[in-house]
Amino acid sequence: MIQAEKSVVEHMLASLTISALQSRAAPTHEQVMHHLELAYERAGLIPTQASAIRVLERISREINKAETVLEFIGRGEGHPH
């Protein structure tokens, strides 16, 4: 993944996080695509199919890692393990 695509990932993760915190709901497919378009715009890139696939795969991995961390943190006293 090139540095410019990493920038798209960072923009998209920030945008999705803010949106999810504000709405308290997971984004729809349409919203994800909107955030992807915005992230490419902010990074000054024109998306190709191959690039978009790499970015979305990276976003998916980052979200899965974050969910794993949140699940681990949520296992405090009184929570089943």
PDB file of N, CA and C in Angstrom:
ATOM      1  N   MET A   1       0.862  -1.172   0.000  1.00  0.00           N
ATOM      2  CA  MET A   1       0.000   0.000   0.000  1.00  0.00           C
ATOM      3  C   MET A   1       0.909   1.236   0.000  1.00  0.00           C
ATOM      4  N   ILE A   2       0.648   2.135  -0.922  1.00  0.00           N
ATOM      5  CA  ILE A   2       1.463   3.343  -1.025  1.00  0.00           C
ATOM      6  C   ILE A   2       1.044   4.365   0.032  1.00  0.00           C
ATOM      7  N   GLN A   3       1.905   5.318   0.290  1.00  0.00           N
ATOM      8  CA  GLN A   3       1.656   6.325   1.328  1.00  0.00           C
ATOM      9  C   GLN A   3       0.351   7.083   1.071  1.00  0.00           C
ATOM     10  N   ALA A   4       0.062   7.400  -0.181  1.00  0.00           N
ATOM     11  CA  ALA A   4      -1.163   8.137  -0.496  1.00  0.00           C
ATOM     12  C   ALA A   4      -2.399   7.328  -0.089  1.00  0.00           C
ATOM     13  N   GLU A   5      -2.364   6.012  -0.294  1.00  0.00           N
ATOM     14  CA  GLU A   5      -3.483   5.164   0.112  1.00  0.00           C
ATOM     15  C   GLU A   5      -3.580   5.100   1.632  1.00  0.00           C
ATOM     16  N   LYS A   6      -2.444   5.111   2.310  1.00  0.00           N
ATOM     17  CA  LYS A   6      -2.466   5.123   3.773  1.00  0.00           C
ATOM     18  C   LYS A   6      -3.133   6.394   4.275  1.00  0.00           C
ATOM     19  N   SER A   7      -2.923   7.486   3.572  1.00  0.00           N
ATOM     20  CA  SER A   7      -3.577   8.744   3.916  1.00  0.00           C
ATOM     21  C   SER A   7      -5.086   8.622   3.746  1.00  0.00           C
ATOM     22  N   VAL A   8      -5.520   7.950   2.685  1.00  0.00           N
ATOM     23  CA  VAL A   8      -6.952   7.726   2.460  1.00  0.00           C
ATOM     24  C   VAL A   8      -7.524   6.907   3.619  1.00  0.00           C
ATOM     25  N   VAL A   9      -6.807   5.872   4.034  1.00  0.00           N
ATOM     26  CA  VAL A   9      -7.254   5.029   5.148  1.00  0.00           C
ATOM     27  C   VAL A   9      -7.399   5.865   6.417  1.00  0.00           C
ATOM     28  N   GLU A  10      -6.411   6.701   6.714  1.00  0.00           N
ATOM     29  CA  GLU A  10      -6.473   7.530   7.918  1.00  0.00           C
ATOM     30  C   GLU A  10      -7.654   8.495   7.878  1.00  0.00           C
ATOM     31  N   HIS A  11      -7.857   9.145   6.725  1.00  0.00           N
ATOM     32  CA  HIS A  11      -8.988  10.061   6.583  1.00  0.00           C
ATOM     33  C   HIS A  11     -10.317   9.315   6.758  1.00  0.00           C
ATOM     34  N   MET A  12     -10.394   8.154   6.133  1.00  0.00           N
ATOM     35  CA  MET A  12     -11.643   7.397   6.186  1.00  0.00           C
ATOM     36  C   MET A  12     -11.928   6.877   7.589  1.00  0.00           C
ATOM     37  N   LEU A  13     -10.911   6.370   8.277  1.00  0.00           N
ATOM     38  CA  LEU A  13     -11.117   5.895   9.647  1.00  0.00           C
ATOM     39  C   LEU A  13     -11.581   7.031  10.556  1.00  0.00           C
ATOM     40  N   ALA A  14     -10.977   8.198  10.410  1.00  0.00           N
ATOM     41  CA  ALA A  14     -11.376   9.346  11.220  1.00  0.00           C
ATOM     42  C   ALA A  14     -12.815   9.740  10.923  1.00  0.00           C
ATOM     43  N   SER A  15     -13.144   9.806   9.662  1.00  0.00           N
ATOM     44  CA  SER A  15     -14.481  10.208   9.244  1.00  0.00           C
ATOM     45  C   SER A  15     -15.539   9.204   9.711  1.00  0.00           C
ATOM     46  N   LEU A  16     -15.249   7.911   9.536  1.00  0.00           N
ATOM     47  CA  LEU A  16     -16.192   6.875   9.968  1.00  0.00           C
ATOM     48  C   LEU A  16     -16.374   6.878  11.488  1.00  0.00           C
ATOM     49  N   THR A  17     -15.283   7.081  12.206  1.00  0.00           N
ATOM     50  CA  THR A  17     -15.351   7.104  13.664  1.00  0.00           C
ATOM     51  C   THR A  17     -16.209   8.249  14.156  1.00  0.00           C
ATOM     52  N   ILE A  18     -15.991   9.430  13.609  1.00  0.00           N
ATOM     53  CA  ILE A  18     -16.795  10.597  14.008  1.00  0.00           C
ATOM     54  C   ILE A  18     -18.255  10.358  13.690  1.00  0.00           C
ATOM     55  N   SER A  19     -18.529   9.856  12.515  1.00  0.00           N
ATOM     56  CA  SER A  19     -19.908   9.591  12.105  1.00  0.00           C
ATOM     57  C   SER A  19     -20.581   8.567  13.018  1.00  0.00           C
ATOM     58  N   ALA A  20     -19.868   7.489  13.332  1.00  0.00           N
ATOM     59  CA  ALA A  20     -20.439   6.439  14.186  1.00  0.00           C
ATOM     60  C   ALA A  20     -20.697   6.959  15.596  1.00  0.00           C
ATOM     61  N   LEU A  21     -19.792   7.791  16.109  1.00  0.00           N
ATOM     62  CA  LEU A  21     -19.990   8.350  17.448  1.00  0.00           C
ATOM     63  C   LEU A  21     -21.178   9.306  17.482  1.00  0.00           C
ATOM     64  N   GLN A  22     -21.358  10.063  16.417  1.00  0.00           N
ATOM     65  CA  GLN A  22     -22.470  11.002  16.359  1.00  0.00           C
ATOM     66  C   GLN A  22     -23.810  10.293  16.196  1.00  0.00           C
ATOM     67  N   SER A  23     -23.846   9.286  15.342  1.00  0.00           N
ATOM     68  CA  SER A  23     -25.118   8.609  15.065  1.00  0.00           C
ATOM     69  C   SER A  23     -25.380   7.428  15.989  1.00  0.00           C
ATOM     70  N   ARG A  24     -24.313   6.942  16.635  1.00  0.00           N
ATOM     71  CA  ARG A  24     -24.393   5.758  17.495  1.00  0.00           C
ATOM     72  C   ARG A  24     -24.945   4.542  16.744  1.00  0.00           C
ATOM     73  N   ALA A  25     -24.609   4.478  15.463  1.00  0.00           N
ATOM     74  CA  ALA A  25     -25.038   3.361  14.622  1.00  0.00           C
ATOM     75  C   ALA A  25     -23.954   3.050  13.606  1.00  0.00           C
ATOM     76  N   ALA A  26     -23.923   1.817  13.188  1.00  0.00           N
ATOM     77  CA  ALA A  26     -22.965   1.423  12.148  1.00  0.00           C
ATOM     78  C   ALA A  26     -23.377   2.074  10.835  1.00  0.00           C
ATOM     79  N   PRO A  27     -22.408   2.469  10.036  1.00  0.00           N
ATOM     80  CA  PRO A  27     -22.748   3.118   8.762  1.00  0.00           C
ATOM     81  C   PRO A  27     -23.322   2.130   7.761  1.00  0.00           C
ATOM     82  N   THR A  28     -24.186   2.638   6.893  1.00  0.00           N
ATOM     83  CA  THR A  28     -24.731   1.826   5.804  1.00  0.00           C
ATOM     84  C   THR A  28     -23.665   1.696   4.716  1.00  0.00           C
ATOM     85  N   HIS A  29     -23.906   0.827   3.752  1.00  0.00           N
ATOM     86  CA  HIS A  29     -22.970   0.680   2.639  1.00  0.00           C
ATOM     87  C   HIS A  29     -22.818   2.007   1.888  1.00  0.00           C
ATOM     88  N   GLU A  30     -23.931   2.701   1.730  1.00  0.00           N
ATOM     89  CA  GLU A  30     -23.899   3.986   1.028  1.00  0.00           C
ATOM     90  C   GLU A  30     -23.047   5.003   1.791  1.00  0.00           C
ATOM     91  N   GLN A  31     -23.170   5.008   3.110  1.00  0.00           N
ATOM     92  CA  GLN A  31     -22.379   5.936   3.912  1.00  0.00           C
ATOM     93  C   GLN A  31     -20.896   5.592   3.843  1.00  0.00           C
ATOM     94  N   VAL A  32     -20.572   4.310   3.850  1.00  0.00           N
ATOM     95  CA  VAL A  32     -19.175   3.885   3.733  1.00  0.00           C
ATOM     96  C   VAL A  32     -18.599   4.373   2.403  1.00  0.00           C
ATOM     97  N   MET A  33     -19.344   4.212   1.331  1.00  0.00           N
ATOM     98  CA  MET A  33     -18.869   4.655   0.025  1.00  0.00           C
ATOM     99  C   MET A  33     -18.721   6.172  -0.012  1.00  0.00           C
ATOM    100  N   HIS A  34     -19.624   6.884   0.645  1.00  0.00           N
ATOM    101  CA  HIS A  34     -19.527   8.343   0.715  1.00  0.00           C
ATOM    102  C   HIS A  34     -18.247   8.744   1.454  1.00  0.00           C
ATOM    103  N   HIS A  35     -17.963   8.094   2.572  1.00  0.00           N
ATOM    104  CA  HIS A  35     -16.739   8.383   3.332  1.00  0.00           C
ATOM    105  C   HIS A  35     -15.496   8.037   2.507  1.00  0.00           C
ATOM    106  N   LEU A  36     -15.574   6.971   1.718  1.00  0.00           N
ATOM    107  CA  LEU A  36     -14.456   6.592   0.860  1.00  0.00           C
ATOM    108  C   LEU A  36     -14.193   7.685  -0.178  1.00  0.00           C
ATOM    109  N   GLU A  37     -15.249   8.170  -0.805  1.00  0.00           N
ATOM    110  CA  GLU A  37     -15.101   9.249  -1.787  1.00  0.00           C
ATOM    111  C   GLU A  37     -14.494  10.494  -1.149  1.00  0.00           C
ATOM    112  N   LEU A  38     -14.993  10.848   0.032  1.00  0.00           N
ATOM    113  CA  LEU A  38     -14.458  12.023   0.728  1.00  0.00           C
ATOM    114  C   LEU A  38     -12.977  11.844   1.066  1.00  0.00           C
ATOM    115  N   ALA A  39     -12.613  10.655   1.507  1.00  0.00           N
ATOM    116  CA  ALA A  39     -11.226  10.393   1.888  1.00  0.00           C
ATOM    117  C   ALA A  39     -10.301  10.511   0.675  1.00  0.00           C
ATOM    118  N   TYR A  40     -10.733   9.985  -0.471  1.00  0.00           N
ATOM    119  CA  TYR A  40      -9.921  10.123  -1.678  1.00  0.00           C
ATOM    120  C   TYR A  40      -9.802  11.591  -2.078  1.00  0.00           C
ATOM    121  N   GLU A  41     -10.901  12.327  -1.978  1.00  0.00           N
ATOM    122  CA  GLU A  41     -10.876  13.757  -2.290  1.00  0.00           C
ATOM    123  C   GLU A  41      -9.879  14.493  -1.409  1.00  0.00           C
ATOM    124  N   ARG A  42      -9.957  14.253  -0.095  1.00  0.00           N
ATOM    125  CA  ARG A  42      -9.063  14.915   0.856  1.00  0.00           C
ATOM    126  C   ARG A  42      -7.600  14.583   0.596  1.00  0.00           C
ATOM    127  N   ALA A  43      -7.348  13.365   0.141  1.00  0.00           N
ATOM    128  CA  ALA A  43      -5.978  12.952  -0.133  1.00  0.00           C
ATOM    129  C   ALA A  43      -5.524  13.409  -1.520  1.00  0.00           C
ATOM    130  N   GLY A  44      -6.446  13.956  -2.300  1.00  0.00           N
ATOM    131  CA  GLY A  44      -6.105  14.430  -3.635  1.00  0.00           C
ATOM    132  C   GLY A  44      -5.857  13.314  -4.628  1.00  0.00           C
ATOM    133  N   LEU A  45      -6.533  12.193  -4.442  1.00  0.00           N
ATOM    134  CA  LEU A  45      -6.352  11.034  -5.319  1.00  0.00           C
ATOM    135  C   LEU A  45      -7.629  10.714  -6.082  1.00  0.00           C
ATOM    136  N   ILE A  46      -7.459  10.085  -7.211  1.00  0.00           N
ATOM    137  CA  ILE A  46      -8.588   9.555  -7.973  1.00  0.00           C
ATOM    138  C   ILE A  46      -8.560   8.045  -7.752  1.00  0.00           C
ATOM    139  N   PRO A  47      -9.644   7.493  -7.208  1.00  0.00           N
ATOM    140  CA  PRO A  47      -9.626   6.055  -6.886  1.00  0.00           C
ATOM    141  C   PRO A  47      -9.678   5.176  -8.131  1.00  0.00           C
ATOM    142  N   THR A  48      -8.911   4.105  -8.076  1.00  0.00           N
ATOM    143  CA  THR A  48      -9.032   3.040  -9.059  1.00  0.00           C
ATOM    144  C   THR A  48      -9.677   1.866  -8.336  1.00  0.00           C
ATOM    145  N   GLN A  49     -10.159   0.916  -9.079  1.00  0.00           N
ATOM    146  CA  GLN A  49     -10.780  -0.250  -8.445  1.00  0.00           C
ATOM    147  C   GLN A  49      -9.780  -0.979  -7.554  1.00  0.00           C
ATOM    148  N   ALA A  50      -8.571  -1.168  -8.033  1.00  0.00           N
ATOM    149  CA  ALA A  50      -7.550  -1.879  -7.251  1.00  0.00           C
ATOM    150  C   ALA A  50      -7.202  -1.114  -5.981  1.00  0.00           C
ATOM    151  N   SER A  51      -7.070   0.191  -6.096  1.00  0.00           N
ATOM    152  CA  SER A  51      -6.746   1.014  -4.931  1.00  0.00           C
ATOM    153  C   SER A  51      -7.877   0.984  -3.910  1.00  0.00           C
ATOM    154  N   ALA A  52      -9.104   1.115  -4.380  1.00  0.00           N
ATOM    155  CA  ALA A  52     -10.261   1.101  -3.474  1.00  0.00           C
ATOM    156  C   ALA A  52     -10.358  -0.226  -2.736  1.00  0.00           C
ATOM    157  N   ILE A  53     -10.059  -1.311  -3.418  1.00  0.00           N
ATOM    158  CA  ILE A  53     -10.089  -2.627  -2.773  1.00  0.00           C
ATOM    159  C   ILE A  53      -9.025  -2.706  -1.680  1.00  0.00           C
ATOM    160  N   ARG A  54      -7.812  -2.228  -1.976  1.00  0.00           N
ATOM    161  CA  ARG A  54      -6.750  -2.240  -0.960  1.00  0.00           C
ATOM    162  C   ARG A  54      -7.144  -1.391   0.246  1.00  0.00           C
ATOM    163  N   VAL A  55      -7.696  -0.213  -0.009  1.00  0.00           N
ATOM    164  CA  VAL A  55      -8.093   0.685   1.073  1.00  0.00           C
ATOM    165  C   VAL A  55      -9.192   0.049   1.912  1.00  0.00           C
ATOM    166  N   LEU A  56     -10.212  -0.493   1.265  1.00  0.00           N
ATOM    167  CA  LEU A  56     -11.322  -1.089   2.011  1.00  0.00           C
ATOM    168  C   LEU A  56     -10.876  -2.320   2.804  1.00  0.00           C
ATOM    169  N   GLU A  57      -9.954  -3.103   2.246  1.00  0.00           N
ATOM    170  CA  GLU A  57      -9.425  -4.250   2.991  1.00  0.00           C
ATOM    171  C   GLU A  57      -8.676  -3.781   4.226  1.00  0.00           C
ATOM    172  N   ARG A  58      -7.901  -2.722   4.086  1.00  0.00           N
ATOM    173  CA  ARG A  58      -7.158  -2.178   5.237  1.00  0.00           C
ATOM    174  C   ARG A  58      -8.123  -1.626   6.282  1.00  0.00           C
ATOM    175  N   ILE A  59      -9.151  -0.910   5.835  1.00  0.00           N
ATOM    176  CA  ILE A  59     -10.169  -0.374   6.748  1.00  0.00           C
ATOM    177  C   ILE A  59     -10.817  -1.524   7.515  1.00  0.00           C
ATOM    178  N   SER A  60     -11.151  -2.590   6.806  1.00  0.00           N
ATOM    179  CA  SER A  60     -11.775  -3.751   7.437  1.00  0.00           C
ATOM    180  C   SER A  60     -10.873  -4.350   8.515  1.00  0.00           C
ATOM    181  N   ARG A  61      -9.591  -4.493   8.220  1.00  0.00           N
ATOM    182  CA  ARG A  61      -8.645  -5.027   9.214  1.00  0.00           C
ATOM    183  C   ARG A  61      -8.553  -4.113  10.425  1.00  0.00           C
ATOM    184  N   GLU A  62      -8.489  -2.809  10.185  1.00  0.00           N
ATOM    185  CA  GLU A  62      -8.389  -1.849  11.291  1.00  0.00           C
ATOM    186  C   GLU A  62      -9.643  -1.884  12.158  1.00  0.00           C
ATOM    187  N   ILE A  63     -10.810  -1.981  11.539  1.00  0.00           N
ATOM    188  CA  ILE A  63     -12.066  -2.044  12.304  1.00  0.00           C
ATOM    189  C   ILE A  63     -12.109  -3.332  13.117  1.00  0.00           C
ATOM    190  N   ASN A  64     -11.704  -4.446  12.525  1.00  0.00           N
ATOM    191  CA  ASN A  64     -11.690  -5.719  13.255  1.00  0.00           C
ATOM    192  C   ASN A  64     -10.743  -5.664  14.449  1.00  0.00           C
ATOM    193  N   LYS A  65      -9.570  -5.031  14.262  1.00  0.00           N
ATOM    194  CA  LYS A  65      -8.635  -4.883  15.381  1.00  0.00           C
ATOM    195  C   LYS A  65      -9.255  -4.046  16.489  1.00  0.00           C
ATOM    196  N   ALA A  66      -9.910  -2.955  16.115  1.00  0.00           N
ATOM    197  CA  ALA A  66     -10.521  -2.065  17.103  1.00  0.00           C
ATOM    198  C   ALA A  66     -11.632  -2.785  17.859  1.00  0.00           C
ATOM    199  N   GLU A  67     -12.438  -3.572  17.154  1.00  0.00           N
ATOM    200  CA  GLU A  67     -13.510  -4.313  17.818  1.00  0.00           C
ATOM    201  C   GLU A  67     -12.932  -5.319  18.804  1.00  0.00           C
ATOM    202  N   THR A  68     -11.839  -5.970  18.439  1.00  0.00           N
ATOM    203  CA  THR A  68     -11.189  -6.931  19.322  1.00  0.00           C
ATOM    204  C   THR A  68     -10.685  -6.236  20.583  1.00  0.00           C
ATOM    205  N   VAL A  69     -10.079  -5.081  20.418  1.00  0.00           N
ATOM    206  CA  VAL A  69      -9.577  -4.325  21.567  1.00  0.00           C
ATOM    207  C   VAL A  69     -10.729  -3.889  22.455  1.00  0.00           C
ATOM    208  N   LEU A  70     -11.805  -3.388  21.855  1.00  0.00           N
ATOM    209  CA  LEU A  70     -12.965  -2.953  22.643  1.00  0.00           C
ATOM    210  C   LEU A  70     -13.594  -4.122  23.403  1.00  0.00           C
ATOM    211  N   GLU A  71     -13.658  -5.297  22.758  1.00  0.00           N
ATOM    212  CA  GLU A  71     -14.194  -6.469  23.436  1.00  0.00           C
ATOM    213  C   GLU A  71     -13.308  -6.836  24.619  1.00  0.00           C
ATOM    214  N   PHE A  72     -12.004  -6.778  24.434  1.00  0.00           N
ATOM    215  CA  PHE A  72     -11.069  -7.108  25.507  1.00  0.00           C
ATOM    216  C   PHE A  72     -11.206  -6.116  26.660  1.00  0.00           C
ATOM    217  N   ILE A  73     -11.274  -4.836  26.349  1.00  0.00           N
ATOM    218  CA  ILE A  73     -11.400  -3.803  27.381  1.00  0.00           C
ATOM    219  C   ILE A  73     -12.709  -3.963  28.139  1.00  0.00           C
ATOM    220  N   GLY A  74     -13.762  -4.363  27.446  1.00  0.00           N
ATOM    221  CA  GLY A  74     -15.071  -4.507  28.058  1.00  0.00           C
ATOM    222  C   GLY A  74     -15.185  -5.669  29.024  1.00  0.00           C
ATOM    223  N   ARG A  75     -14.172  -6.505  29.094  1.00  0.00           N
ATOM    224  CA  ARG A  75     -14.204  -7.675  29.991  1.00  0.00           C
ATOM    225  C   ARG A  75     -13.692  -7.313  31.371  1.00  0.00           C
ATOM    226  N   GLY A  76     -14.428  -6.477  32.061  1.00  0.00           N
ATOM    227  CA  GLY A  76     -14.048  -6.107  33.416  1.00  0.00           C
ATOM    228  C   GLY A  76     -14.722  -7.007  34.422  1.00  0.00           C
ATOM    229  N   GLU A  77     -14.677  -6.618  35.676  1.00  0.00           N
ATOM    230  CA  GLU A  77     -15.328  -7.358  36.741  1.00  0.00           C
ATOM    231  C   GLU A  77     -16.815  -7.489  36.424  1.00  0.00           C
ATOM    232  N   GLY A  78     -17.363  -8.667  36.627  1.00  0.00           N
ATOM    233  CA  GLY A  78     -18.793  -8.878  36.432  1.00  0.00           C
ATOM    234  C   GLY A  78     -19.201  -9.142  35.007  1.00  0.00           C
ATOM    235  N   HIS A  79     -18.235  -9.141  34.085  1.00  0.00           N
ATOM    236  CA  HIS A  79     -18.538  -9.455  32.695  1.00  0.00           C
ATOM    237  C   HIS A  79     -18.057 -10.863  32.404  1.00  0.00           C
ATOM    238  N   PRO A  80     -18.865 -11.657  31.702  1.00  0.00           N
ATOM    239  CA  PRO A  80     -18.421 -13.011  31.368  1.00  0.00           C
ATOM    240  C   PRO A  80     -17.222 -12.972  30.412  1.00  0.00           C
ATOM    241  N   HIS A  81     -16.319 -13.920  30.565  1.00  0.00           N
ATOM    242  CA  HIS A  81     -15.124 -13.963  29.723  1.00  0.00           C
ATOM    243  C   HIS A  81     -15.323 -14.875  28.565  1.00  0.00           C
TER     244      HIS A  81
END
